[in-house]
Amino acid sequence: MTMKTKKKMTLKFYQNLGKLFYAIAAADKHVRDVEFDKLKELVKTYWLEVDVIEDTFNTDAAYQIEIIFDWLNEEENLDPKACYNAFINYKNEQPHLFTANIKKLILRTGHAIAASFSGLNKSELIMLAKLELELKK
């Protein structure tokens, strides 16, 4: 596998995480600034450490999480379930990328985003429970 293929795959990995975290934040039909702020904090704290792959602008590929989340949020009226399903499809196509540590970090990030605005609500809890089951497969 060439580095170029690996880089492309990794960018796609982070972009799909952006879709997932957007879906979790939008599960209740509202994405709040505090949820996006929490995501940015977690990207800086945890996701920048995951690997050293950079995008074409020489910025850490983990920032793709924020870029995609923000872009989806700007688009508005996007179906969180469709974003969630896109992530699950990607996970099923690339299972080797989802190590035990990555799965743990995905769940930690998802829970933190959902809890950042007045605790977890029912739609977020359902999506997080489904995610947890998916990641155990």
C-alpha atoms as a PDB file:
ATOM      1  CA  MET A   1       0.000   0.000   0.000  1.00  0.00           C
ATOM      2  CA  THR A   2       1.445   3.339  -0.994  1.00  0.00           C
ATOM      3  CA  MET A   3       1.572   6.323   1.306  1.00  0.00           C
ATOM      4  CA  LYS A   4      -0.779   8.185  -1.036  1.00  0.00           C
ATOM      5  CA  THR A   5      -3.435   5.473  -0.628  1.00  0.00           C
ATOM      6  CA  LYS A   6      -2.951   5.472   3.137  1.00  0.00           C
ATOM      7  CA  LYS A   7      -3.233   9.269   3.275  1.00  0.00           C
ATOM      8  CA  LYS A   8      -6.414   9.259   1.215  1.00  0.00           C
ATOM      9  CA  MET A   9      -7.886   6.535   3.411  1.00  0.00           C
ATOM     10  CA  THR A  10      -6.976   8.421   6.556  1.00  0.00           C
ATOM     11  CA  LEU A  11      -8.533  11.672   5.354  1.00  0.00           C
ATOM     12  CA  LYS A  12     -11.681   9.726   4.528  1.00  0.00           C
ATOM     13  CA  PHE A  13     -11.525   8.174   8.016  1.00  0.00           C
ATOM     14  CA  TYR A  14     -11.567  11.594   9.682  1.00  0.00           C
ATOM     15  CA  GLN A  15     -14.223  12.904   7.308  1.00  0.00           C
ATOM     16  CA  ASN A  16     -16.484  10.006   8.256  1.00  0.00           C
ATOM     17  CA  LEU A  17     -15.882  10.730  11.939  1.00  0.00           C
ATOM     18  CA  GLY A  18     -17.038  14.289  11.215  1.00  0.00           C
ATOM     19  CA  LYS A  19     -20.265  12.847   9.781  1.00  0.00           C
ATOM     20  CA  LEU A  20     -20.755  10.649  12.836  1.00  0.00           C
ATOM     21  CA  PHE A  21     -20.170  13.418  15.373  1.00  0.00           C
ATOM     22  CA  TYR A  22     -22.451  15.745  13.410  1.00  0.00           C
ATOM     23  CA  ALA A  23     -25.148  13.040  13.456  1.00  0.00           C
ATOM     24  CA  ILE A  24     -24.847  12.719  17.238  1.00  0.00           C
ATOM     25  CA  ALA A  25     -25.022  16.495  17.767  1.00  0.00           C
ATOM     26  CA  ALA A  26     -27.937  16.816  15.313  1.00  0.00           C
ATOM     27  CA  ALA A  27     -29.870  13.799  16.667  1.00  0.00           C
ATOM     28  CA  ASP A  28     -32.181  16.165  18.550  1.00  0.00           C
ATOM     29  CA  LYS A  29     -32.600  18.339  15.394  1.00  0.00           C
ATOM     30  CA  HIS A  30     -30.457  21.160  16.850  1.00  0.00           C
ATOM     31  CA  VAL A  31     -26.691  21.571  16.725  1.00  0.00           C
ATOM     32  CA  ARG A  32     -25.597  24.018  19.372  1.00  0.00           C
ATOM     33  CA  ASP A  33     -22.399  26.062  19.503  1.00  0.00           C
ATOM     34  CA  VAL A  34     -21.442  24.356  22.744  1.00  0.00           C
ATOM     35  CA  GLU A  35     -21.532  20.971  20.941  1.00  0.00           C
ATOM     36  CA  PHE A  36     -19.226  22.225  18.180  1.00  0.00           C
ATOM     37  CA  ASP A  37     -16.949  23.837  20.786  1.00  0.00           C
ATOM     38  CA  LYS A  38     -16.772  20.516  22.655  1.00  0.00           C
ATOM     39  CA  LEU A  39     -15.871  18.734  19.419  1.00  0.00           C
ATOM     40  CA  LYS A  40     -13.079  21.236  18.676  1.00  0.00           C
ATOM     41  CA  GLU A  41     -11.717  20.794  22.210  1.00  0.00           C
ATOM     42  CA  LEU A  42     -11.723  16.988  21.846  1.00  0.00           C
ATOM     43  CA  VAL A  43     -10.065  17.106  18.420  1.00  0.00           C
ATOM     44  CA  LYS A  44      -7.240  19.159  19.919  1.00  0.00           C
ATOM     45  CA  THR A  45      -6.994  17.066  23.084  1.00  0.00           C
ATOM     46  CA  TYR A  46      -7.270  13.552  21.644  1.00  0.00           C
ATOM     47  CA  TRP A  47      -7.619  13.252  17.878  1.00  0.00           C
ATOM     48  CA  LEU A  48      -4.500  15.215  16.886  1.00  0.00           C
ATOM     49  CA  GLU A  49      -2.472  12.557  18.711  1.00  0.00           C
ATOM     50  CA  VAL A  50      -3.916   9.608  16.762  1.00  0.00           C
ATOM     51  CA  ASP A  51      -1.519   9.771  13.798  1.00  0.00           C
ATOM     52  CA  VAL A  52       0.755  12.135  11.922  1.00  0.00           C
ATOM     53  CA  ILE A  53      -1.009  12.141   8.551  1.00  0.00           C
ATOM     54  CA  GLU A  54      -1.498  15.606   7.093  1.00  0.00           C
ATOM     55  CA  ASP A  55      -3.901  16.824   4.444  1.00  0.00           C
ATOM     56  CA  THR A  56      -2.901  18.620   1.225  1.00  0.00           C
ATOM     57  CA  PHE A  57      -2.577  21.902   3.162  1.00  0.00           C
ATOM     58  CA  ASN A  58      -0.116  20.326   5.632  1.00  0.00           C
ATOM     59  CA  THR A  59      -2.550  20.543   8.524  1.00  0.00           C
ATOM     60  CA  ASP A  60      -3.258  17.562  10.706  1.00  0.00           C
ATOM     61  CA  ALA A  61      -5.858  15.342   9.061  1.00  0.00           C
ATOM     62  CA  ALA A  62      -7.792  15.175  12.341  1.00  0.00           C
ATOM     63  CA  TYR A  63      -9.031  18.709  11.624  1.00  0.00           C
ATOM     64  CA  GLN A  64     -11.139  17.096   8.874  1.00  0.00           C
ATOM     65  CA  ILE A  65     -13.471  16.058  11.713  1.00  0.00           C
ATOM     66  CA  GLU A  66     -14.217  19.721  12.484  1.00  0.00           C
ATOM     67  CA  ILE A  67     -14.313  20.787   8.832  1.00  0.00           C
ATOM     68  CA  ILE A  68     -16.887  18.142   7.862  1.00  0.00           C
ATOM     69  CA  PHE A  69     -18.949  18.699  11.032  1.00  0.00           C
ATOM     70  CA  ASP A  70     -19.050  22.447  10.376  1.00  0.00           C
ATOM     71  CA  TRP A  71     -19.831  21.988   6.683  1.00  0.00           C
ATOM     72  CA  LEU A  72     -22.704  19.592   7.420  1.00  0.00           C
ATOM     73  CA  ASN A  73     -24.029  21.990  10.034  1.00  0.00           C
ATOM     74  CA  GLU A  74     -23.917  24.900   7.553  1.00  0.00           C
ATOM     75  CA  GLU A  75     -25.834  22.852   4.976  1.00  0.00           C
ATOM     76  CA  GLU A  76     -28.744  22.508   7.429  1.00  0.00           C
ATOM     77  CA  ASN A  77     -31.682  20.146   7.014  1.00  0.00           C
ATOM     78  CA  LEU A  78     -29.313  17.211   6.608  1.00  0.00           C
ATOM     79  CA  ASP A  79     -30.591  13.954   7.952  1.00  0.00           C
ATOM     80  CA  PRO A  80     -28.502  12.885  10.971  1.00  0.00           C
ATOM     81  CA  LYS A  81     -29.479   9.258  10.295  1.00  0.00           C
ATOM     82  CA  ALA A  82     -28.026   9.452   6.782  1.00  0.00           C
ATOM     83  CA  CYS A  83     -24.745  10.828   8.203  1.00  0.00           C
ATOM     84  CA  TYR A  84     -24.706   8.115  10.862  1.00  0.00           C
ATOM     85  CA  ASN A  85     -25.356   5.420   8.237  1.00  0.00           C
ATOM     86  CA  ALA A  86     -22.571   6.798   6.022  1.00  0.00           C
ATOM     87  CA  PHE A  87     -20.176   6.407   8.962  1.00  0.00           C
ATOM     88  CA  ILE A  88     -21.354   2.842   9.672  1.00  0.00           C
ATOM     89  CA  ASN A  89     -20.942   1.890   6.007  1.00  0.00           C
ATOM     90  CA  TYR A  90     -17.400   3.269   6.066  1.00  0.00           C
ATOM     91  CA  LYS A  91     -16.628   1.400   9.305  1.00  0.00           C
ATOM     92  CA  ASN A  92     -17.838  -1.840   7.749  1.00  0.00           C
ATOM     93  CA  GLU A  93     -15.718  -1.254   4.631  1.00  0.00           C
ATOM     94  CA  GLN A  94     -12.562  -0.393   6.635  1.00  0.00           C
ATOM     95  CA  PRO A  95     -12.768  -2.440   9.853  1.00  0.00           C
ATOM     96  CA  HIS A  96      -8.961  -2.576  10.246  1.00  0.00           C
ATOM     97  CA  LEU A  97      -8.919   1.162  11.047  1.00  0.00           C
ATOM     98  CA  PHE A  98     -11.158   0.702  14.061  1.00  0.00           C
ATOM     99  CA  THR A  99      -8.837  -0.532  16.793  1.00  0.00           C
ATOM    100  CA  ALA A 100      -9.998  -0.922  20.383  1.00  0.00           C
ATOM    101  CA  ASN A 101      -8.464   2.468  21.289  1.00  0.00           C
ATOM    102  CA  ILE A 102     -10.086   4.227  18.319  1.00  0.00           C
ATOM    103  CA  LYS A 103     -13.480   2.741  19.204  1.00  0.00           C
ATOM    104  CA  LYS A 104     -13.083   3.917  22.801  1.00  0.00           C
ATOM    105  CA  LEU A 105     -12.126   7.404  21.615  1.00  0.00           C
ATOM    106  CA  ILE A 106     -15.100   7.538  19.219  1.00  0.00           C
ATOM    107  CA  LEU A 107     -17.502   6.659  22.037  1.00  0.00           C
ATOM    108  CA  ARG A 108     -15.857   9.084  24.472  1.00  0.00           C
ATOM    109  CA  THR A 109     -16.104  11.890  21.903  1.00  0.00           C
ATOM    110  CA  GLY A 110     -19.710  11.065  21.005  1.00  0.00           C
ATOM    111  CA  HIS A 111     -20.806  11.006  24.645  1.00  0.00           C
ATOM    112  CA  ALA A 112     -18.979  14.268  25.417  1.00  0.00           C
ATOM    113  CA  ILE A 113     -20.602  16.068  22.470  1.00  0.00           C
ATOM    114  CA  ALA A 114     -24.064  14.804  23.416  1.00  0.00           C
ATOM    115  CA  ALA A 115     -23.600  15.688  27.095  1.00  0.00           C
ATOM    116  CA  SER A 116     -22.205  19.165  26.407  1.00  0.00           C
ATOM    117  CA  PHE A 117     -25.665  20.732  26.121  1.00  0.00           C
ATOM    118  CA  SER A 118     -27.932  20.040  29.128  1.00  0.00           C
ATOM    119  CA  GLY A 119     -27.113  16.354  29.353  1.00  0.00           C
ATOM    120  CA  LEU A 120     -28.062  13.510  27.069  1.00  0.00           C
ATOM    121  CA  ASN A 121     -31.496  13.497  25.489  1.00  0.00           C
ATOM    122  CA  LYS A 122     -33.424  10.465  24.249  1.00  0.00           C
ATOM    123  CA  SER A 123     -32.508  10.754  20.554  1.00  0.00           C
ATOM    124  CA  GLU A 124     -28.804  11.136  21.385  1.00  0.00           C
ATOM    125  CA  LEU A 125     -28.921   8.220  23.815  1.00  0.00           C
ATOM    126  CA  ILE A 126     -30.527   5.969  21.196  1.00  0.00           C
ATOM    127  CA  MET A 127     -27.903   6.907  18.585  1.00  0.00           C
ATOM    128  CA  LEU A 128     -25.035   6.405  21.054  1.00  0.00           C
ATOM    129  CA  ALA A 129     -26.438   3.009  22.107  1.00  0.00           C
ATOM    130  CA  LYS A 130     -26.672   1.930  18.459  1.00  0.00           C
ATOM    131  CA  LEU A 131     -23.116   3.162  17.883  1.00  0.00           C
ATOM    132  CA  GLU A 132     -21.823   1.230  20.855  1.00  0.00           C
ATOM    133  CA  LEU A 133     -23.414  -1.966  19.504  1.00  0.00           C
ATOM    134  CA  GLU A 134     -21.995  -1.300  16.017  1.00  0.00           C
ATOM    135  CA  LEU A 135     -18.492  -0.793  17.371  1.00  0.00           C
ATOM    136  CA  LYS A 136     -18.648  -4.087  19.282  1.00  0.00           C
ATOM    137  CA  LYS A 137     -19.160  -6.031  16.031  1.00  0.00           C
END
